[in-house]
Structures are given as structure tokens and as C-alpha cells.
Amino acid sequence: MRSQTWHSVGVLSTAGLAFVLAIVLGVAFGAWIDRTLDSSPIGFFAFFVIGLVAGVLNVYRISARYLRDTADERSQTRSDASPD
């Protein structure tokens, strides 16, 4: 039970980090584009939105994989525990 809790904490941490990192990278790249092309604030906002969408997709993918894996584990545990 304790390892399952730590696994859940790890997955949630991964999802949160992936979300924040995607936004930070998008903002950083947008700011760099703005400085390079002197297009402030178009690049910042454009890549902020792209980073936000990428972050949401990352969280969705991580969550879907985690939910699928836990559902598989539960069904396997039930089939192992059922009498033959």
C-alpha cells in the first residue's frame, strides 16, 4: 500500500513538473523570439499559449497512462484473488 502511495506521488509530481516546464519553456522561447525579432509581445503571448497547450496535453497523457495502469493492476488483483 505504501509503495502505491509513493507511486501516486511520483506520477502527480511528474505531471505538475511537466505542466510548469512546458509553460516556462514556451515563455522563455517567446521572449527570446521577441528580443531577436523585436516583435514584443507577440512571441511571448503566442509561445505562452503554445506552452500552456503543451502542458495540458502532457498532464492529460500522464494522467491517462496512470489511470490505465491502475485499472489494469486492479483488474489483475481481482482476477488473482478470485477462486478458480
N, C-alpha and C. Protein backbone atom coordinates (compact mmCIF):
# COMPACT_ATOMS: atom_id res chain seq x y z
N MET A 1 0.83 -1.19 0.00
CA MET A 1 0.00 0.00 0.00
C MET A 1 0.87 1.25 0.00
N ARG A 2 1.95 1.22 0.77
CA ARG A 2 2.82 2.39 0.87
C ARG A 2 3.52 2.66 -0.47
N SER A 3 3.93 1.62 -1.19
CA SER A 3 4.60 1.85 -2.47
C SER A 3 3.62 2.42 -3.49
N GLN A 4 2.36 2.04 -3.40
CA GLN A 4 1.35 2.60 -4.30
C GLN A 4 1.18 4.09 -4.04
N THR A 5 1.23 4.49 -2.78
CA THR A 5 1.13 5.91 -2.43
C THR A 5 2.30 6.69 -3.00
N TRP A 6 3.51 6.15 -2.85
CA TRP A 6 4.67 6.83 -3.40
C TRP A 6 4.64 6.86 -4.92
N HIS A 7 4.10 5.83 -5.53
CA HIS A 7 3.95 5.82 -6.98
C HIS A 7 2.99 6.93 -7.40
N SER A 8 1.90 7.09 -6.68
CA SER A 8 0.94 8.16 -6.99
C SER A 8 1.58 9.54 -6.82
N VAL A 9 2.36 9.71 -5.77
CA VAL A 9 3.05 10.99 -5.54
C VAL A 9 4.02 11.26 -6.69
N GLY A 10 4.72 10.25 -7.13
CA GLY A 10 5.65 10.40 -8.24
C GLY A 10 4.96 10.81 -9.53
N VAL A 11 3.84 10.18 -9.81
CA VAL A 11 3.10 10.49 -11.03
C VAL A 11 2.56 11.92 -10.97
N LEU A 12 2.01 12.30 -9.82
CA LEU A 12 1.49 13.67 -9.68
C LEU A 12 2.61 14.69 -9.79
N SER A 13 3.76 14.39 -9.22
CA SER A 13 4.90 15.30 -9.32
C SER A 13 5.36 15.43 -10.77
N THR A 14 5.39 14.33 -11.47
CA THR A 14 5.77 14.35 -12.88
C THR A 14 4.81 15.20 -13.69
N ALA A 15 3.52 15.03 -13.43
CA ALA A 15 2.52 15.80 -14.17
C ALA A 15 2.66 17.30 -13.88
N GLY A 16 2.84 17.65 -12.62
CA GLY A 16 2.99 19.06 -12.27
C GLY A 16 4.24 19.67 -12.86
N LEU A 17 5.35 18.94 -12.79
CA LEU A 17 6.60 19.43 -13.34
C LEU A 17 6.52 19.58 -14.86
N ALA A 18 5.90 18.63 -15.52
CA ALA A 18 5.75 18.70 -16.98
C ALA A 18 4.90 19.90 -17.39
N PHE A 19 3.85 20.18 -16.61
CA PHE A 19 2.98 21.31 -16.90
C PHE A 19 3.74 22.63 -16.77
N VAL A 20 4.42 22.81 -15.65
CA VAL A 20 5.14 24.06 -15.40
C VAL A 20 6.30 24.21 -16.38
N LEU A 21 7.03 23.15 -16.63
CA LEU A 21 8.18 23.22 -17.52
C LEU A 21 7.76 23.59 -18.95
N ALA A 22 6.66 23.05 -19.42
CA ALA A 22 6.19 23.40 -20.77
C ALA A 22 5.87 24.88 -20.87
N ILE A 23 5.23 25.44 -19.85
CA ILE A 23 4.90 26.86 -19.86
C ILE A 23 6.17 27.71 -19.78
N VAL A 24 7.08 27.35 -18.89
CA VAL A 24 8.32 28.12 -18.74
C VAL A 24 9.13 28.10 -20.03
N LEU A 25 9.25 26.94 -20.65
CA LEU A 25 9.99 26.86 -21.92
C LEU A 25 9.30 27.66 -23.02
N GLY A 26 7.98 27.62 -23.06
CA GLY A 26 7.25 28.42 -24.05
C GLY A 26 7.47 29.90 -23.85
N VAL A 27 7.38 30.35 -22.61
CA VAL A 27 7.59 31.78 -22.31
C VAL A 27 9.03 32.19 -22.62
N ALA A 28 9.99 31.36 -22.24
CA ALA A 28 11.40 31.69 -22.50
C ALA A 28 11.67 31.78 -24.00
N PHE A 29 11.14 30.83 -24.75
CA PHE A 29 11.34 30.87 -26.20
C PHE A 29 10.64 32.07 -26.82
N GLY A 30 9.43 32.37 -26.34
CA GLY A 30 8.71 33.54 -26.85
C GLY A 30 9.43 34.84 -26.55
N ALA A 31 10.00 34.94 -25.36
CA ALA A 31 10.76 36.14 -25.00
C ALA A 31 12.02 36.26 -25.87
N TRP A 32 12.67 35.12 -26.12
CA TRP A 32 13.85 35.13 -26.99
C TRP A 32 13.47 35.56 -28.41
N ILE A 33 12.37 35.04 -28.92
CA ILE A 33 11.89 35.44 -30.25
C ILE A 33 11.61 36.94 -30.28
N ASP A 34 10.97 37.46 -29.24
CA ASP A 34 10.67 38.88 -29.19
C ASP A 34 11.94 39.73 -29.19
N ARG A 35 12.95 39.31 -28.44
CA ARG A 35 14.21 40.06 -28.42
C ARG A 35 14.93 39.97 -29.77
N THR A 36 14.88 38.80 -30.38
CA THR A 36 15.58 38.59 -31.64
C THR A 36 14.91 39.33 -32.79
N LEU A 37 13.60 39.25 -32.86
CA LEU A 37 12.85 39.84 -33.98
C LEU A 37 12.23 41.19 -33.66
N ASP A 38 12.43 41.66 -32.43
CA ASP A 38 11.84 42.92 -31.97
C ASP A 38 10.33 42.94 -32.23
N SER A 39 9.68 41.87 -31.78
CA SER A 39 8.24 41.71 -32.03
C SER A 39 7.43 41.68 -30.74
N SER A 40 7.95 42.32 -29.71
CA SER A 40 7.31 42.26 -28.40
C SER A 40 5.88 42.76 -28.45
N PRO A 41 4.94 42.18 -27.83
CA PRO A 41 4.85 40.96 -27.02
C PRO A 41 4.22 39.79 -27.78
N ILE A 42 4.25 39.82 -29.09
CA ILE A 42 3.57 38.80 -29.89
C ILE A 42 4.16 37.41 -29.63
N GLY A 43 5.47 37.28 -29.67
CA GLY A 43 6.11 35.99 -29.45
C GLY A 43 5.86 35.46 -28.05
N PHE A 44 5.92 36.37 -27.06
CA PHE A 44 5.68 35.97 -25.68
C PHE A 44 4.31 35.34 -25.53
N PHE A 45 3.28 36.04 -26.00
CA PHE A 45 1.91 35.52 -25.85
C PHE A 45 1.67 34.28 -26.70
N ALA A 46 2.20 34.26 -27.90
CA ALA A 46 2.00 33.10 -28.78
C ALA A 46 2.61 31.85 -28.16
N PHE A 47 3.85 31.96 -27.69
CA PHE A 47 4.50 30.79 -27.14
C PHE A 47 4.05 30.47 -25.72
N PHE A 48 3.49 31.46 -25.02
CA PHE A 48 2.85 31.15 -23.74
C PHE A 48 1.65 30.24 -23.98
N VAL A 49 0.85 30.57 -24.98
CA VAL A 49 -0.32 29.74 -25.30
C VAL A 49 0.12 28.35 -25.78
N ILE A 50 1.14 28.30 -26.61
CA ILE A 50 1.64 27.01 -27.08
C ILE A 50 2.16 26.19 -25.90
N GLY A 51 2.89 26.82 -24.97
CA GLY A 51 3.38 26.12 -23.79
C GLY A 51 2.25 25.65 -22.90
N LEU A 52 1.21 26.47 -22.77
CA LEU A 52 0.05 26.09 -21.96
C LEU A 52 -0.65 24.88 -22.55
N VAL A 53 -0.84 24.89 -23.86
CA VAL A 53 -1.48 23.74 -24.53
C VAL A 53 -0.62 22.49 -24.38
N ALA A 54 0.70 22.65 -24.56
CA ALA A 54 1.60 21.51 -24.41
C ALA A 54 1.57 20.97 -22.98
N GLY A 55 1.50 21.87 -22.01
CA GLY A 55 1.42 21.45 -20.61
C GLY A 55 0.16 20.68 -20.31
N VAL A 56 -0.96 21.16 -20.82
CA VAL A 56 -2.23 20.46 -20.61
C VAL A 56 -2.20 19.09 -21.27
N LEU A 57 -1.66 19.02 -22.47
CA LEU A 57 -1.55 17.71 -23.15
C LEU A 57 -0.65 16.75 -22.38
N ASN A 58 0.45 17.26 -21.84
CA ASN A 58 1.34 16.42 -21.03
C ASN A 58 0.61 15.86 -19.81
N VAL A 59 -0.12 16.73 -19.12
CA VAL A 59 -0.86 16.28 -17.93
C VAL A 59 -1.92 15.26 -18.33
N TYR A 60 -2.60 15.48 -19.44
CA TYR A 60 -3.61 14.53 -19.92
C TYR A 60 -2.99 13.17 -20.22
N ARG A 61 -1.86 13.17 -20.92
CA ARG A 61 -1.21 11.90 -21.27
C ARG A 61 -0.71 11.16 -20.04
N ILE A 62 -0.09 11.88 -19.12
CA ILE A 62 0.42 11.25 -17.90
C ILE A 62 -0.73 10.69 -17.07
N SER A 63 -1.80 11.48 -16.95
CA SER A 63 -2.96 11.03 -16.17
C SER A 63 -3.63 9.82 -16.81
N ALA A 64 -3.79 9.85 -18.11
CA ALA A 64 -4.43 8.73 -18.80
C ALA A 64 -3.62 7.45 -18.63
N ARG A 65 -2.29 7.57 -18.75
CA ARG A 65 -1.43 6.39 -18.58
C ARG A 65 -1.52 5.86 -17.15
N TYR A 66 -1.51 6.77 -16.17
CA TYR A 66 -1.59 6.36 -14.77
C TYR A 66 -2.93 5.69 -14.48
N LEU A 67 -4.01 6.27 -14.96
CA LEU A 67 -5.33 5.67 -14.72
C LEU A 67 -5.47 4.32 -15.41
N ARG A 68 -4.92 4.18 -16.61
CA ARG A 68 -4.96 2.90 -17.31
C ARG A 68 -4.15 1.85 -16.56
N ASP A 69 -2.97 2.24 -16.08
CA ASP A 69 -2.12 1.30 -15.35
C ASP A 69 -2.77 0.86 -14.04
N THR A 70 -3.37 1.81 -13.30
CA THR A 70 -4.01 1.44 -12.04
C THR A 70 -5.24 0.58 -12.28
N ALA A 71 -5.97 0.83 -13.36
CA ALA A 71 -7.13 -0.01 -13.68
C ALA A 71 -6.68 -1.42 -14.04
N ASP A 72 -5.58 -1.53 -14.78
CA ASP A 72 -5.04 -2.85 -15.11
C ASP A 72 -4.58 -3.60 -13.86
N GLU A 73 -3.94 -2.87 -12.94
CA GLU A 73 -3.49 -3.50 -11.69
C GLU A 73 -4.67 -3.97 -10.86
N ARG A 74 -5.71 -3.17 -10.80
CA ARG A 74 -6.90 -3.56 -10.02
C ARG A 74 -7.58 -4.77 -10.63
N SER A 75 -7.70 -4.79 -11.95
CA SER A 75 -8.35 -5.94 -12.57
C SER A 75 -7.50 -7.19 -12.42
N GLN A 76 -6.18 -7.04 -12.47
CA GLN A 76 -5.29 -8.18 -12.30
C GLN A 76 -5.36 -8.68 -10.86
N THR A 77 -5.44 -7.77 -9.90
CA THR A 77 -5.53 -8.15 -8.48
C THR A 77 -6.84 -8.90 -8.24
N ARG A 78 -7.92 -8.42 -8.82
CA ARG A 78 -9.22 -9.11 -8.66
C ARG A 78 -9.20 -10.49 -9.27
N SER A 79 -8.59 -10.62 -10.45
CA SER A 79 -8.57 -11.95 -11.09
C SER A 79 -7.64 -12.90 -10.34
N ASP A 80 -6.59 -12.37 -9.72
CA ASP A 80 -5.70 -13.22 -8.93
C ASP A 80 -6.36 -13.66 -7.63
N ALA A 81 -7.20 -12.82 -7.05
CA ALA A 81 -7.84 -13.10 -5.76
C ALA A 81 -9.10 -13.96 -5.91
N SER A 82 -9.65 -14.03 -7.10
CA SER A 82 -10.89 -14.80 -7.27
C SER A 82 -10.60 -16.29 -7.24
N PRO A 83 -11.48 -17.05 -6.61
CA PRO A 83 -11.27 -18.50 -6.55
C PRO A 83 -11.52 -19.13 -7.92
N ASP A 84 -10.73 -20.10 -8.24
CA ASP A 84 -10.88 -20.81 -9.53
C ASP A 84 -11.77 -22.01 -9.41
